[in-house]
Amino acid sequence: MSYTVGQVAAFAGVTVRTLHHYDEIGLLPSGRSRAGHRQYEDADLDRLQQILFYRELGFPLDEVAVLLDDPGAEPVAHLRRQHELLTGRIDRLQRMAAAVEHAMEARKMGIDLTPEEKFEVFGDFDPDAHAAEAERRWGGGDPYTESQRRAAAYTKEDWLRIKEAADGLNARIAALMETGAAPESEAAMDLAEEHRQQISASFYGCSYEIHTGLAEMYVADERFTATYEAVRPGMAAFLRDAIFANAIRKV
């Protein structure tokens, strides 16, 4: 069955001018009707499909011609190669989409500051990493949703206030460690309880179960360990143990 250039252009979603160009450079030669008009057969449509696949993958026309005119390449080989290339592109696009999604979630978490303001408020602490980790752990659950709702309304001054409270608590934990107190001591457990209540006040209702989960993260994830180790070496493990002791005390 033969098709006119207009029909093929409509089938393939390309312009007639594009098909003329492919014909002129020998990439997709067309036949001619008795009246001298371009016409295409089913085999030409198959070749056009291959051309468009490679073009979509970014191959220049001269390389497409070499690939398609390789005498040793079977049609199945072309499809296999295109499948591999498309799978690789899908993987890259998925990674890009994930990165964009994390940036969007950071915005939702209220981290809507200029780079200068973010450094002023958080220093070396990375709130975006915490936002992504919260999503991974809780997804669309109540803690994450509540944190999004609250943080979305925070201003720079709110973040500074929250950071000041957290820094003050960290300083008192470090001072307690200097005295040689054990993480199971009443004083340490009281500070752990204050830590839990700060989270509840600023972000989401932090149950003892969630709190102990966070405590494990403080020593298991180097991003979070570094936050506390920068205040005082050993503080991440000390706080974890105090949080666990406090949770047991409250049972």
Protein backbone atom coordinates (compact mmCIF):
# COMPACT_ATOMS: atom_id res chain seq x y z
CA MET A 1 0.00 0.00 0.00
CA SER A 2 1.29 3.44 -0.88
CA TYR A 3 0.93 6.66 1.09
CA THR A 4 1.27 10.29 0.08
CA VAL A 5 3.75 12.60 1.76
CA GLY A 6 0.87 14.37 3.48
CA GLN A 7 -0.48 11.11 4.89
CA VAL A 8 2.93 10.05 6.20
CA ALA A 9 3.50 13.45 7.78
CA ALA A 10 0.17 13.10 9.60
CA PHE A 11 0.92 9.53 10.71
CA ALA A 12 4.37 10.40 12.07
CA GLY A 13 3.63 13.83 13.50
CA VAL A 14 6.28 15.54 11.39
CA THR A 15 6.06 18.24 8.74
CA VAL A 16 5.98 17.64 5.02
CA ARG A 17 9.09 19.82 4.82
CA THR A 18 10.92 17.41 7.14
CA LEU A 19 10.06 14.46 4.89
CA HIS A 20 11.22 16.42 1.85
CA HIS A 21 14.55 17.07 3.61
CA TYR A 22 14.99 13.41 4.57
CA ASP A 23 14.36 12.50 0.93
CA GLU A 24 16.81 15.10 -0.39
CA ILE A 25 19.67 13.90 1.83
CA GLY A 26 18.97 10.23 1.09
CA LEU A 27 17.92 9.36 4.63
CA LEU A 28 14.38 8.40 3.62
CA PRO A 29 14.15 8.19 -0.17
CA SER A 30 10.62 8.19 -1.50
CA GLY A 31 9.14 6.62 -4.57
CA ARG A 32 7.23 8.56 -7.17
CA SER A 33 3.71 8.17 -8.44
CA ARG A 34 2.94 8.30 -12.17
CA ALA A 35 2.18 11.95 -11.68
CA GLY A 36 5.60 12.50 -10.10
CA HIS A 37 4.41 12.93 -6.52
CA ARG A 38 6.30 11.42 -3.57
CA GLN A 39 4.86 8.18 -2.26
CA TYR A 40 5.87 5.85 0.56
CA GLU A 41 5.48 2.12 1.16
CA ASP A 42 5.12 0.22 4.48
CA ALA A 43 8.88 -0.41 4.58
CA ASP A 44 9.45 3.35 4.34
CA LEU A 45 7.22 3.89 7.36
CA ASP A 46 9.27 1.33 9.32
CA ARG A 47 12.46 3.19 8.41
CA LEU A 48 10.90 6.52 9.35
CA GLN A 49 9.97 5.11 12.74
CA GLN A 50 13.62 4.13 13.29
CA ILE A 51 14.77 7.59 12.19
CA LEU A 52 12.43 9.31 14.62
CA PHE A 53 13.48 7.04 17.47
CA TYR A 54 17.14 7.93 16.99
CA ARG A 55 16.34 11.60 16.51
CA GLU A 56 14.38 11.61 19.77
CA LEU A 57 17.46 10.14 21.45
CA GLY A 58 19.56 13.04 20.16
CA PHE A 59 21.44 11.40 17.29
CA PRO A 60 22.37 13.76 14.42
CA LEU A 61 21.05 12.84 10.99
CA ASP A 62 24.39 11.71 9.61
CA GLU A 63 24.82 9.23 12.47
CA VAL A 64 21.27 8.00 12.01
CA ALA A 65 22.03 7.28 8.37
CA VAL A 66 25.13 5.27 9.30
CA LEU A 67 23.21 3.26 11.90
CA LEU A 68 20.32 2.46 9.60
CA ASP A 69 22.47 1.62 6.58
CA ASP A 70 24.79 -0.73 8.50
CA PRO A 71 24.54 -3.95 6.47
CA GLY A 72 25.20 -6.04 9.57
CA ALA A 73 22.40 -4.58 11.66
CA GLU A 74 19.10 -6.44 11.77
CA PRO A 75 15.83 -4.64 12.61
CA VAL A 76 15.71 -6.43 15.96
CA ALA A 77 19.19 -5.15 16.74
CA HIS A 78 18.00 -1.60 16.16
CA LEU A 79 15.06 -2.11 18.45
CA ARG A 80 17.26 -3.64 21.14
CA ARG A 81 19.69 -0.74 20.94
CA GLN A 82 16.89 1.80 21.07
CA HIS A 83 15.34 0.03 24.05
CA GLU A 84 18.65 0.22 25.93
CA LEU A 85 19.06 3.89 25.08
CA LEU A 86 15.49 4.72 26.06
CA THR A 87 15.82 2.80 29.33
CA GLY A 88 18.96 4.77 30.14
CA ARG A 89 17.19 8.03 29.37
CA ILE A 90 14.21 7.03 31.53
CA ASP A 91 16.55 6.28 34.42
CA ARG A 92 18.26 9.67 34.07
CA LEU A 93 14.92 11.47 33.82
CA GLN A 94 13.63 9.66 36.90
CA ARG A 95 16.69 10.77 38.86
CA MET A 96 16.18 14.33 37.63
CA ALA A 97 12.49 14.17 38.57
CA ALA A 98 13.42 12.93 42.05
CA ALA A 99 15.82 15.83 42.51
CA VAL A 100 13.18 18.33 41.42
CA GLU A 101 10.61 16.69 43.70
CA HIS A 102 12.95 16.97 46.67
CA ALA A 103 13.43 20.64 45.90
CA MET A 104 9.65 21.09 45.72
CA GLU A 105 9.20 19.33 49.06
CA ALA A 106 11.86 21.52 50.63
CA ARG A 107 9.80 24.50 49.52
CA LYS A 108 6.70 22.96 51.06
CA MET A 109 8.63 22.45 54.29
CA GLY A 110 9.08 26.20 54.44
CA ILE A 111 12.73 26.33 53.41
CA ASP A 112 11.98 29.33 51.23
CA LEU A 113 15.04 31.43 52.03
CA THR A 114 17.80 32.93 49.93
CA PRO A 115 21.15 31.10 50.12
CA GLU A 116 22.47 33.87 52.35
CA GLU A 117 19.48 33.65 54.68
CA LYS A 118 19.64 29.86 54.77
CA PHE A 119 23.28 29.97 55.84
CA GLU A 120 22.52 32.67 58.38
CA VAL A 121 19.76 30.58 59.92
CA PHE A 122 21.13 27.05 59.62
CA GLY A 123 24.88 27.32 59.14
CA ASP A 124 26.24 23.95 57.98
CA PHE A 125 22.99 22.21 58.91
CA ASP A 126 21.07 21.07 55.82
CA PRO A 127 17.30 21.41 56.33
CA ASP A 128 16.57 20.07 52.85
CA ALA A 129 18.18 16.76 53.82
CA HIS A 130 15.99 16.56 56.90
CA ALA A 131 12.89 17.33 54.83
CA ALA A 132 13.72 14.57 52.36
CA GLU A 133 14.43 12.14 55.20
CA ALA A 134 11.11 13.00 56.84
CA GLU A 135 9.33 12.23 53.58
CA ARG A 136 11.19 8.92 53.21
CA ARG A 137 10.31 7.84 56.74
CA TRP A 138 6.74 9.09 56.97
CA GLY A 139 5.71 9.81 53.38
CA GLY A 140 2.29 11.39 53.37
CA GLY A 141 1.62 10.34 56.98
CA ASP A 142 0.43 12.60 59.76
CA PRO A 143 3.87 13.74 61.08
CA TYR A 144 5.13 14.74 57.65
CA THR A 145 1.86 16.40 56.64
CA GLU A 146 1.71 18.33 59.90
CA SER A 147 5.32 19.43 59.54
CA GLN A 148 4.60 20.70 56.01
CA ARG A 149 1.56 22.64 57.17
CA ARG A 150 3.36 24.37 60.03
CA ALA A 151 6.65 25.07 58.31
CA ALA A 152 5.00 26.51 55.21
CA ALA A 153 3.89 29.48 57.33
CA TYR A 154 7.24 30.12 59.00
CA THR A 155 9.18 33.29 58.30
CA LYS A 156 12.92 33.81 58.57
CA GLU A 157 12.36 35.15 62.10
CA ASP A 158 10.44 31.99 63.03
CA TRP A 159 13.30 29.82 61.81
CA LEU A 160 15.78 31.90 63.76
CA ARG A 161 13.67 31.50 66.90
CA ILE A 162 13.43 27.73 66.42
CA LYS A 163 17.17 27.49 65.74
CA GLU A 164 17.97 29.56 68.84
CA ALA A 165 15.88 27.24 71.03
CA ALA A 166 17.55 24.16 69.55
CA ASP A 167 21.03 25.64 69.96
CA GLY A 168 20.27 26.49 73.58
CA LEU A 169 19.15 22.93 74.30
CA ASN A 170 22.20 21.48 72.56
CA ALA A 171 24.46 23.71 74.66
CA ARG A 172 22.84 22.45 77.86
CA ILE A 173 23.20 18.83 76.76
CA ALA A 174 26.88 19.44 76.03
CA ALA A 175 27.33 21.09 79.43
CA LEU A 176 25.69 18.11 81.13
CA MET A 177 28.04 15.76 79.30
CA GLU A 178 30.98 17.79 80.63
CA THR A 179 29.91 16.92 84.18
CA GLY A 180 30.20 13.21 83.42
CA ALA A 181 26.48 12.57 83.88
CA ALA A 182 25.15 9.37 82.33
CA PRO A 183 22.54 9.53 79.55
CA GLU A 184 20.27 7.51 81.86
CA SER A 185 20.43 10.20 84.54
CA GLU A 186 17.33 12.20 85.44
CA ALA A 187 18.93 15.39 84.15
CA ALA A 188 19.74 13.80 80.77
CA MET A 189 16.28 12.30 80.42
CA ASP A 190 14.72 15.67 81.25
CA LEU A 191 16.72 17.29 78.43
CA ALA A 192 15.68 14.46 76.10
CA GLU A 193 12.06 15.16 77.00
CA GLU A 194 12.59 18.84 76.25
CA HIS A 195 14.07 17.84 72.90
CA ARG A 196 10.92 15.84 72.09
CA GLN A 197 8.68 18.71 73.14
CA GLN A 198 10.60 21.18 70.95
CA ILE A 199 9.92 18.98 67.93
CA SER A 200 6.24 18.76 68.85
CA ALA A 201 5.99 22.51 69.34
CA SER A 202 7.67 23.45 66.05
CA PHE A 203 6.97 20.66 63.57
CA TYR A 204 4.70 17.70 64.42
CA GLY A 205 3.40 15.67 67.31
CA CYS A 206 6.51 13.70 68.26
CA SER A 207 5.46 10.52 70.06
CA TYR A 208 7.99 8.51 72.06
CA GLU A 209 7.99 5.94 69.27
CA ILE A 210 8.85 8.57 66.66
CA HIS A 211 11.38 10.13 69.02
CA THR A 212 13.29 6.87 69.48
CA GLY A 213 13.23 6.41 65.70
CA LEU A 214 14.82 9.83 65.29
CA ALA A 215 17.37 8.94 67.96
CA GLU A 216 18.52 5.94 65.94
CA MET A 217 18.81 8.17 62.87
CA TYR A 218 21.08 10.58 64.77
CA VAL A 219 23.79 7.91 65.00
CA ALA A 220 23.00 5.85 61.88
CA ASP A 221 22.99 8.71 59.36
CA GLU A 222 26.21 10.69 59.15
CA ARG A 223 24.38 13.82 58.00
CA PHE A 224 22.53 13.99 61.29
CA THR A 225 25.40 12.69 63.42
CA ALA A 226 27.55 15.58 62.22
CA THR A 227 25.00 18.10 63.50
CA TYR A 228 25.47 16.95 67.09
CA GLU A 229 29.13 15.96 66.86
CA ALA A 230 29.87 19.56 65.82
CA VAL A 231 28.50 20.68 69.19
CA ARG A 232 30.41 18.10 71.22
CA PRO A 233 32.05 14.78 70.25
CA GLY A 234 29.93 11.86 71.37
CA MET A 235 26.79 13.96 71.65
CA ALA A 236 24.79 12.05 69.02
CA ALA A 237 25.16 8.76 70.91
CA PHE A 238 24.58 10.48 74.28
CA LEU A 239 21.34 12.06 73.05
CA ARG A 240 20.18 8.79 71.52
CA ASP A 241 20.72 6.93 74.81
CA ALA A 242 19.00 9.70 76.78
CA ILE A 243 16.02 9.63 74.42
CA PHE A 244 15.69 5.87 74.81
CA ALA A 245 15.98 6.12 78.59
CA ASN A 246 13.34 8.84 78.64
CA ALA A 247 10.97 6.76 76.51
CA ILE A 248 11.38 3.80 78.86
CA ARG A 249 10.79 6.08 81.84
CA LYS A 250 7.50 7.26 80.36
CA VAL A 251 6.17 3.75 79.61
